[in-house]
PDB file of all heavy atoms in Angstrom:
ATOM      1  N   GLY A   1     -19.049  12.367 -10.393  1.00  0.00           N
ATOM      2  CA  GLY A   1     -18.002  11.398 -10.779  1.00  0.00           C
ATOM      3  C   GLY A   1     -16.855  11.863 -11.506  1.00  0.00           C
ATOM      4  O   GLY A   1     -16.911  12.930 -12.149  1.00  0.00           O
ATOM      5  N   VAL A   2     -15.617  11.204 -11.239  1.00  0.00           N
ATOM      6  CA  VAL A   2     -14.383  11.658 -11.900  1.00  0.00           C
ATOM      7  C   VAL A   2     -14.006  10.451 -12.733  1.00  0.00           C
ATOM      8  O   VAL A   2     -13.942   9.375 -12.350  1.00  0.00           O
ATOM      9  CB  VAL A   2     -13.283  11.915 -10.831  1.00  0.00           C
ATOM     10  CG1 VAL A   2     -12.006  12.277 -11.572  1.00  0.00           C
ATOM     11  CG2 VAL A   2     -13.786  13.008  -9.874  1.00  0.00           C
ATOM     12  N   TYR A   3     -13.827  10.763 -14.008  1.00  0.00           N
ATOM     13  CA  TYR A   3     -13.385   9.765 -14.880  1.00  0.00           C
ATOM     14  C   TYR A   3     -11.795   9.583 -15.108  1.00  0.00           C
ATOM     15  O   TYR A   3     -11.172  10.506 -14.787  1.00  0.00           O
ATOM     16  CB  TYR A   3     -13.931  10.032 -16.326  1.00  0.00           C
ATOM     17  CG  TYR A   3     -15.467   9.899 -16.220  1.00  0.00           C
ATOM     18  CD1 TYR A   3     -16.285  11.091 -16.182  1.00  0.00           C
ATOM     19  CD2 TYR A   3     -16.162   8.772 -16.297  1.00  0.00           C
ATOM     20  CE1 TYR A   3     -17.701  11.114 -16.105  1.00  0.00           C
ATOM     21  CE2 TYR A   3     -17.548   8.812 -16.122  1.00  0.00           C
ATOM     22  CZ  TYR A   3     -18.261   9.924 -16.048  1.00  0.00           C
ATOM     23  OH  TYR A   3     -19.635   9.897 -16.020  1.00  0.00           O
ATOM     24  N   GLY A   4     -11.474   8.418 -15.611  1.00  0.00           N
ATOM     25  CA  GLY A   4      -9.990   8.276 -15.745  1.00  0.00           C
ATOM     26  C   GLY A   4      -9.689   7.138 -14.716  1.00  0.00           C
ATOM     27  O   GLY A   4     -10.265   6.687 -13.957  1.00  0.00           O
ATOM     28  N   ASP A   5      -8.373   6.767 -14.936  1.00  0.00           N
ATOM     29  CA  ASP A   5      -7.777   5.632 -14.063  1.00  0.00           C
ATOM     30  C   ASP A   5      -7.306   6.279 -12.805  1.00  0.00           C
ATOM     31  O   ASP A   5      -6.228   6.830 -12.783  1.00  0.00           O
ATOM     32  CB  ASP A   5      -6.662   4.889 -14.879  1.00  0.00           C
ATOM     33  CG  ASP A   5      -6.053   3.873 -14.048  1.00  0.00           C
ATOM     34  OD1 ASP A   5      -6.767   3.390 -13.155  1.00  0.00           O
ATOM     35  OD2 ASP A   5      -4.948   3.447 -14.307  1.00  0.00           O
ATOM     36  N   LEU A   6      -8.149   6.134 -11.786  1.00  0.00           N
ATOM     37  CA  LEU A   6      -7.827   6.574 -10.488  1.00  0.00           C
ATOM     38  C   LEU A   6      -7.394   5.556  -9.482  1.00  0.00           C
ATOM     39  O   LEU A   6      -7.240   5.790  -8.291  1.00  0.00           O
ATOM     40  CB  LEU A   6      -9.098   7.436  -9.881  1.00  0.00           C
ATOM     41  CG  LEU A   6      -9.449   8.705 -10.684  1.00  0.00           C
ATOM     42  CD1 LEU A   6     -10.562   9.316 -10.027  1.00  0.00           C
ATOM     43  CD2 LEU A   6      -8.388   9.556 -10.832  1.00  0.00           C
ATOM     44  N   LYS A   7      -7.272   4.280 -10.003  1.00  0.00           N
ATOM     45  CA  LYS A   7      -6.871   3.204  -9.083  1.00  0.00           C
ATOM     46  C   LYS A   7      -5.456   2.843  -9.250  1.00  0.00           C
ATOM     47  O   LYS A   7      -4.942   2.728 -10.340  1.00  0.00           O
ATOM     48  CB  LYS A   7      -7.830   2.100  -9.373  1.00  0.00           C
ATOM     49  CG  LYS A   7      -7.560   0.901  -8.462  1.00  0.00           C
ATOM     50  CD  LYS A   7      -8.698  -0.096  -8.601  1.00  0.00           C
ATOM     51  CE  LYS A   7      -8.548  -1.470  -7.855  1.00  0.00           C
ATOM     52  NZ  LYS A   7      -7.678  -1.489  -6.767  1.00  0.00           N
ATOM     53  N   GLY A   8      -4.769   2.803  -8.139  1.00  0.00           N
ATOM     54  CA  GLY A   8      -3.417   2.322  -8.272  1.00  0.00           C
ATOM     55  C   GLY A   8      -3.322   0.928  -7.681  1.00  0.00           C
ATOM     56  O   GLY A   8      -4.319   0.277  -7.369  1.00  0.00           O
ATOM     57  N   ASP A   9      -2.117   0.402  -7.654  1.00  0.00           N
ATOM     58  CA  ASP A   9      -1.839  -0.991  -7.087  1.00  0.00           C
ATOM     59  C   ASP A   9      -1.953  -1.064  -5.578  1.00  0.00           C
ATOM     60  O   ASP A   9      -1.875   0.051  -4.947  1.00  0.00           O
ATOM     61  CB  ASP A   9      -0.456  -1.447  -7.472  1.00  0.00           C
ATOM     62  CG  ASP A   9      -0.322  -1.778  -8.986  1.00  0.00           C
ATOM     63  OD1 ASP A   9      -1.293  -2.246  -9.533  1.00  0.00           O
ATOM     64  OD2 ASP A   9       0.807  -1.512  -9.483  1.00  0.00           O
ATOM     65  N   THR A  10      -2.293  -2.119  -5.116  1.00  0.00           N
ATOM     66  CA  THR A  10      -2.369  -2.301  -3.569  1.00  0.00           C
ATOM     67  C   THR A  10      -1.120  -3.275  -3.377  1.00  0.00           C
ATOM     68  O   THR A  10      -0.917  -4.225  -3.956  1.00  0.00           O
ATOM     69  CB  THR A  10      -3.573  -2.947  -3.015  1.00  0.00           C
ATOM     70  OG1 THR A  10      -3.826  -4.123  -3.635  1.00  0.00           O
ATOM     71  CG2 THR A  10      -4.823  -1.995  -3.407  1.00  0.00           C
ATOM     72  N   LEU A  11      -0.437  -2.917  -2.192  1.00  0.00           N
ATOM     73  CA  LEU A  11       0.686  -3.668  -1.845  1.00  0.00           C
ATOM     74  C   LEU A  11       0.518  -4.243  -0.319  1.00  0.00           C
ATOM     75  O   LEU A  11       0.341  -3.406   0.613  1.00  0.00           O
ATOM     76  CB  LEU A  11       1.967  -2.901  -1.912  1.00  0.00           C
ATOM     77  CG  LEU A  11       3.263  -3.518  -1.377  1.00  0.00           C
ATOM     78  CD1 LEU A  11       3.566  -4.684  -2.127  1.00  0.00           C
ATOM     79  CD2 LEU A  11       4.426  -2.456  -1.481  1.00  0.00           C
ATOM     80  N   ASP A  12       0.562  -5.569  -0.151  1.00  0.00           N
ATOM     81  CA  ASP A  12       0.521  -6.191   1.024  1.00  0.00           C
ATOM     82  C   ASP A  12       1.738  -6.941   1.336  1.00  0.00           C
ATOM     83  O   ASP A  12       2.256  -7.677   0.399  1.00  0.00           O
ATOM     84  CB  ASP A  12      -0.702  -7.070   1.115  1.00  0.00           C
ATOM     85  CG  ASP A  12      -1.960  -6.370   0.946  1.00  0.00           C
ATOM     86  OD1 ASP A  12      -2.297  -5.468   1.707  1.00  0.00           O
ATOM     87  OD2 ASP A  12      -2.808  -6.752   0.069  1.00  0.00           O
ATOM     88  N   LEU A  13       2.318  -6.986   2.597  1.00  0.00           N
ATOM     89  CA  LEU A  13       3.396  -7.646   2.973  1.00  0.00           C
ATOM     90  C   LEU A  13       3.143  -8.527   4.054  1.00  0.00           C
ATOM     91  O   LEU A  13       2.363  -8.276   4.939  1.00  0.00           O
ATOM     92  CB  LEU A  13       4.608  -6.782   3.405  1.00  0.00           C
ATOM     93  CG  LEU A  13       5.101  -5.763   2.478  1.00  0.00           C
ATOM     94  CD1 LEU A  13       6.200  -4.797   3.247  1.00  0.00           C
ATOM     95  CD2 LEU A  13       5.691  -6.369   1.166  1.00  0.00           C
ATOM     96  N   GLN A  14       3.654  -9.757   4.012  1.00  0.00           N
ATOM     97  CA  GLN A  14       3.526 -10.723   5.112  1.00  0.00           C
ATOM     98  C   GLN A  14       5.040 -11.099   5.477  1.00  0.00           C
ATOM     99  O   GLN A  14       5.708 -11.417   4.539  1.00  0.00           O
ATOM    100  CB  GLN A  14       2.882 -12.040   4.648  1.00  0.00           C
ATOM    101  CG  GLN A  14       2.622 -13.063   5.703  1.00  0.00           C
ATOM    102  CD  GLN A  14       1.853 -14.248   5.233  1.00  0.00           C
ATOM    103  OE1 GLN A  14       1.875 -14.554   4.011  1.00  0.00           O
ATOM    104  NE2 GLN A  14       1.366 -14.950   6.243  1.00  0.00           N
ATOM    105  N   TYR A  15       5.324 -10.916   6.722  1.00  0.00           N
ATOM    106  CA  TYR A  15       6.617 -11.195   7.179  1.00  0.00           C
ATOM    107  C   TYR A  15       6.605 -11.597   8.622  1.00  0.00           C
ATOM    108  O   TYR A  15       5.568 -11.714   9.332  1.00  0.00           O
ATOM    109  CB  TYR A  15       7.474  -9.881   7.038  1.00  0.00           C
ATOM    110  CG  TYR A  15       7.122  -8.769   7.887  1.00  0.00           C
ATOM    111  CD1 TYR A  15       7.512  -8.318   9.136  1.00  0.00           C
ATOM    112  CD2 TYR A  15       5.968  -7.929   7.293  1.00  0.00           C
ATOM    113  CE1 TYR A  15       7.062  -7.424   9.862  1.00  0.00           C
ATOM    114  CE2 TYR A  15       5.594  -6.807   8.075  1.00  0.00           C
ATOM    115  CZ  TYR A  15       6.021  -6.514   9.391  1.00  0.00           C
ATOM    116  OH  TYR A  15       5.608  -5.478  10.091  1.00  0.00           O
ATOM    117  N   ARG A  16       7.818 -11.805   9.202  1.00  0.00           N
ATOM    118  CA  ARG A  16       7.961 -12.244  10.599  1.00  0.00           C
ATOM    119  C   ARG A  16       8.575 -11.177  11.387  1.00  0.00           C
ATOM    120  O   ARG A  16       9.484 -10.530  10.791  1.00  0.00           O
ATOM    121  CB  ARG A  16       8.639 -13.606  10.761  1.00  0.00           C
ATOM    122  CG  ARG A  16       8.016 -14.860  10.088  1.00  0.00           C
ATOM    123  CD  ARG A  16       8.323 -16.178  10.463  1.00  0.00           C
ATOM    124  NE  ARG A  16       8.239 -16.561  11.826  1.00  0.00           N
ATOM    125  CZ  ARG A  16       6.973 -16.894  12.360  1.00  0.00           C
ATOM    126  NH1 ARG A  16       5.960 -16.871  11.631  1.00  0.00           N
ATOM    127  NH2 ARG A  16       6.741 -17.168  13.703  1.00  0.00           N
ATOM    128  N   SER A  17       8.116 -11.011  12.645  1.00  0.00           N
ATOM    129  CA  SER A  17       8.683 -10.053  13.511  1.00  0.00           C
ATOM    130  C   SER A  17       8.566 -10.630  14.929  1.00  0.00           C
ATOM    131  O   SER A  17       7.392 -10.971  15.345  1.00  0.00           O
ATOM    132  CB  SER A  17       7.839  -8.740  13.383  1.00  0.00           C
ATOM    133  OG  SER A  17       8.411  -7.860  14.314  1.00  0.00           O
ATOM    134  N   ALA A  18       9.620 -10.609  15.693  1.00  0.00           N
ATOM    135  CA  ALA A  18       9.661 -11.282  16.989  1.00  0.00           C
ATOM    136  C   ALA A  18       9.056 -12.581  16.990  1.00  0.00           C
ATOM    137  O   ALA A  18       8.353 -12.899  17.994  1.00  0.00           O
ATOM    138  CB  ALA A  18       9.106 -10.312  17.949  1.00  0.00           C
ATOM    139  N   GLY A  19       9.246 -13.432  15.966  1.00  0.00           N
ATOM    140  CA  GLY A  19       8.886 -14.800  16.002  1.00  0.00           C
ATOM    141  C   GLY A  19       7.280 -14.909  15.648  1.00  0.00           C
ATOM    142  O   GLY A  19       6.715 -15.997  15.515  1.00  0.00           O
ATOM    143  N   GLN A  20       6.677 -13.732  15.294  1.00  0.00           N
ATOM    144  CA  GLN A  20       5.137 -13.856  14.956  1.00  0.00           C
ATOM    145  C   GLN A  20       4.977 -13.398  13.565  1.00  0.00           C
ATOM    146  O   GLN A  20       5.666 -12.469  13.092  1.00  0.00           O
ATOM    147  CB  GLN A  20       4.404 -13.025  15.938  1.00  0.00           C
ATOM    148  CG  GLN A  20       4.405 -13.511  17.317  1.00  0.00           C
ATOM    149  CD  GLN A  20       3.297 -12.799  18.237  1.00  0.00           C
ATOM    150  OE1 GLN A  20       2.786 -11.818  17.809  1.00  0.00           O
ATOM    151  NE2 GLN A  20       3.165 -13.143  19.484  1.00  0.00           N
ATOM    152  N   ALA A  21       3.945 -13.943  12.814  1.00  0.00           N
ATOM    153  CA  ALA A  21       3.522 -13.468  11.521  1.00  0.00           C
ATOM    154  C   ALA A  21       2.970 -12.115  11.533  1.00  0.00           C
ATOM    155  O   ALA A  21       2.120 -11.894  12.528  1.00  0.00           O
ATOM    156  CB  ALA A  21       2.761 -14.533  10.818  1.00  0.00           C
ATOM    157  N   ARG A  22       3.262 -11.350  10.642  1.00  0.00           N
ATOM    158  CA  ARG A  22       2.665  -9.923  10.557  1.00  0.00           C
ATOM    159  C   ARG A  22       2.105  -9.659   9.139  1.00  0.00           C
ATOM    160  O   ARG A  22       2.812 -10.238   8.250  1.00  0.00           O
ATOM    161  CB  ARG A  22       3.665  -8.921  10.979  1.00  0.00           C
ATOM    162  CG  ARG A  22       4.327  -9.091  12.191  1.00  0.00           C
ATOM    163  CD  ARG A  22       3.934  -8.043  13.317  1.00  0.00           C
ATOM    164  NE  ARG A  22       4.665  -8.168  14.343  1.00  0.00           N
ATOM    165  CZ  ARG A  22       4.152  -8.144  15.602  1.00  0.00           C
ATOM    166  NH1 ARG A  22       2.916  -7.944  15.778  1.00  0.00           N
ATOM    167  NH2 ARG A  22       4.907  -8.433  16.667  1.00  0.00           N
ATOM    168  N   VAL A  23       1.103  -9.006   9.063  1.00  0.00           N
ATOM    169  CA  VAL A  23       0.667  -8.551   7.656  1.00  0.00           C
ATOM    170  C   VAL A  23       0.575  -7.047   7.707  1.00  0.00           C
ATOM    171  O   VAL A  23      -0.051  -6.458   8.617  1.00  0.00           O
ATOM    172  CB  VAL A  23      -0.696  -9.253   7.403  1.00  0.00           C
ATOM    173  CG1 VAL A  23      -1.315  -8.686   6.024  1.00  0.00           C
ATOM    174  CG2 VAL A  23      -0.615 -10.722   7.342  1.00  0.00           C
ATOM    175  N   LEU A  24       0.930  -6.442   6.628  1.00  0.00           N
ATOM    176  CA  LEU A  24       0.895  -4.968   6.495  1.00  0.00           C
ATOM    177  C   LEU A  24       0.526  -4.502   5.056  1.00  0.00           C
ATOM    178  O   LEU A  24       1.056  -5.025   4.176  1.00  0.00           O
ATOM    179  CB  LEU A  24       2.301  -4.414   6.851  1.00  0.00           C
ATOM    180  CG  LEU A  24       2.653  -2.949   6.721  1.00  0.00           C
ATOM    181  CD1 LEU A  24       1.842  -2.252   7.871  1.00  0.00           C
ATOM    182  CD2 LEU A  24       4.049  -2.611   6.839  1.00  0.00           C
ATOM    183  N   THR A  25      -0.402  -3.629   5.115  1.00  0.00           N
ATOM    184  CA  THR A  25      -0.863  -3.039   3.728  1.00  0.00           C
ATOM    185  C   THR A  25      -0.165  -1.712   3.724  1.00  0.00           C
ATOM    186  O   THR A  25      -0.290  -0.851   4.692  1.00  0.00           O
ATOM    187  CB  THR A  25      -2.234  -2.872   3.694  1.00  0.00           C
ATOM    188  OG1 THR A  25      -2.913  -4.057   3.792  1.00  0.00           O
ATOM    189  CG2 THR A  25      -2.645  -2.168   2.462  1.00  0.00           C
ATOM    190  N   ILE A  26       0.532  -1.508   2.613  1.00  0.00           N
ATOM    191  CA  ILE A  26       1.424  -0.317   2.424  1.00  0.00           C
ATOM    192  C   ILE A  26       0.633   0.610   1.284  1.00  0.00           C
ATOM    193  O   ILE A  26       0.503   0.216   0.215  1.00  0.00           O
ATOM    194  CB  ILE A  26       2.805  -0.541   1.884  1.00  0.00           C
ATOM    195  CG1 ILE A  26       3.589  -1.329   3.016  1.00  0.00           C
ATOM    196  CG2 ILE A  26       3.611   0.664   1.663  1.00  0.00           C
ATOM    197  CD1 ILE A  26       4.855  -1.872   2.749  1.00  0.00           C
ATOM    198  N   PRO A  27       0.261   1.672   1.766  1.00  0.00           N
ATOM    199  CA  PRO A  27      -0.399   2.648   0.765  1.00  0.00           C
ATOM    200  C   PRO A  27       0.689   3.185  -0.251  1.00  0.00           C
ATOM    201  O   PRO A  27       1.699   3.682   0.134  1.00  0.00           O
ATOM    202  CB  PRO A  27      -1.030   3.848   1.706  1.00  0.00           C
ATOM    203  CG  PRO A  27      -0.109   3.752   2.867  1.00  0.00           C
ATOM    204  CD  PRO A  27       0.308   2.366   3.096  1.00  0.00           C
ATOM    205  N   LEU A  28       0.319   3.178  -1.438  1.00  0.00           N
ATOM    206  CA  LEU A  28       1.258   3.699  -2.482  1.00  0.00           C
ATOM    207  C   LEU A  28       0.549   5.032  -3.060  1.00  0.00           C
ATOM    208  O   LEU A  28      -0.433   5.096  -3.545  1.00  0.00           O
ATOM    209  CB  LEU A  28       1.268   2.649  -3.772  1.00  0.00           C
ATOM    210  CG  LEU A  28       1.778   1.340  -3.315  1.00  0.00           C
ATOM    211  CD1 LEU A  28       1.853   0.453  -4.485  1.00  0.00           C
ATOM    212  CD2 LEU A  28       3.240   1.408  -2.809  1.00  0.00           C
ATOM    213  N   THR A  29       1.279   6.123  -2.778  1.00  0.00           N
ATOM    214  CA  THR A  29       0.823   7.407  -3.277  1.00  0.00           C
ATOM    215  C   THR A  29       1.945   8.084  -3.960  1.00  0.00           C
ATOM    216  O   THR A  29       3.232   7.802  -3.718  1.00  0.00           O
ATOM    217  CB  THR A  29       0.365   8.327  -2.021  1.00  0.00           C
ATOM    218  OG1 THR A  29       1.555   8.381  -1.188  1.00  0.00           O
ATOM    219  CG2 THR A  29      -0.753   7.747  -1.278  1.00  0.00           C
ATOM    220  N   PRO A  30       1.643   8.816  -4.973  1.00  0.00           N
ATOM    221  CA  PRO A  30       2.639   9.587  -5.768  1.00  0.00           C
ATOM    222  C   PRO A  30       3.534  10.487  -5.033  1.00  0.00           C
ATOM    223  O   PRO A  30       3.054  11.043  -3.950  1.00  0.00           O
ATOM    224  CB  PRO A  30       1.867  10.345  -6.835  1.00  0.00           C
ATOM    225  CG  PRO A  30       0.472  10.042  -6.611  1.00  0.00           C
ATOM    226  CD  PRO A  30       0.318   9.251  -5.305  1.00  0.00           C
ATOM    227  N   GLU A  31       4.737  10.782  -5.507  1.00  0.00           N
ATOM    228  CA  GLU A  31       5.609  11.679  -4.849  1.00  0.00           C
ATOM    229  C   GLU A  31       4.972  13.109  -4.864  1.00  0.00           C
ATOM    230  O   GLU A  31       4.366  13.437  -5.804  1.00  0.00           O
ATOM    231  CB  GLU A  31       6.927  11.653  -5.542  1.00  0.00           C
ATOM    232  CG  GLU A  31       8.084  12.343  -4.954  1.00  0.00           C
ATOM    233  CD  GLU A  31       9.312  12.009  -5.742  1.00  0.00           C
ATOM    234  OE1 GLU A  31       9.424  12.170  -6.916  1.00  0.00           O
ATOM    235  OE2 GLU A  31      10.249  11.525  -5.116  1.00  0.00           O
ATOM    236  N   GLY A  32       5.119  13.755  -3.899  1.00  0.00           N
ATOM    237  CA  GLY A  32       4.640  15.207  -3.825  1.00  0.00           C
ATOM    238  C   GLY A  32       3.201  15.197  -3.193  1.00  0.00           C
ATOM    239  O   GLY A  32       2.720  16.295  -2.839  1.00  0.00           O
ATOM    240  N   GLU A  33       2.554  14.238  -3.179  1.00  0.00           N
ATOM    241  CA  GLU A  33       1.189  14.130  -2.399  1.00  0.00           C
ATOM    242  C   GLU A  33       1.223  12.968  -1.492  1.00  0.00           C
ATOM    243  O   GLU A  33       0.516  11.949  -1.636  1.00  0.00           O
ATOM    244  CB  GLU A  33       0.108  14.012  -3.461  1.00  0.00           C
ATOM    245  CG  GLU A  33      -1.195  14.178  -2.810  1.00  0.00           C
ATOM    246  CD  GLU A  33      -2.422  14.198  -3.945  1.00  0.00           C
ATOM    247  OE1 GLU A  33      -2.480  15.052  -4.666  1.00  0.00           O
ATOM    248  OE2 GLU A  33      -3.036  13.266  -3.990  1.00  0.00           O
ATOM    249  N   GLY A  34       1.968  13.109  -0.445  1.00  0.00           N
ATOM    250  CA  GLY A  34       2.153  12.006   0.580  1.00  0.00           C
ATOM    251  C   GLY A  34       2.872  10.821  -0.061  1.00  0.00           C
ATOM    252  O   GLY A  34       2.555   9.778   0.277  1.00  0.00           O
ATOM    253  N   GLY A  35       3.922  11.059  -0.976  1.00  0.00           N
ATOM    254  CA  GLY A  35       4.565  10.024  -1.756  1.00  0.00           C
ATOM    255  C   GLY A  35       5.489   9.116  -0.957  1.00  0.00           C
ATOM    256  O   GLY A  35       6.180   8.377  -1.523  1.00  0.00           O
TER     257      GLY A  35
END
């Protein structure tokens, strides 16, 4: 196991596109490692 705070926030968006509702989860990663 690895100790420490390894959990970041989760970001979900709900929006409309072409008249339909969409839901998207956006991964939040630090700059320099897939940021």
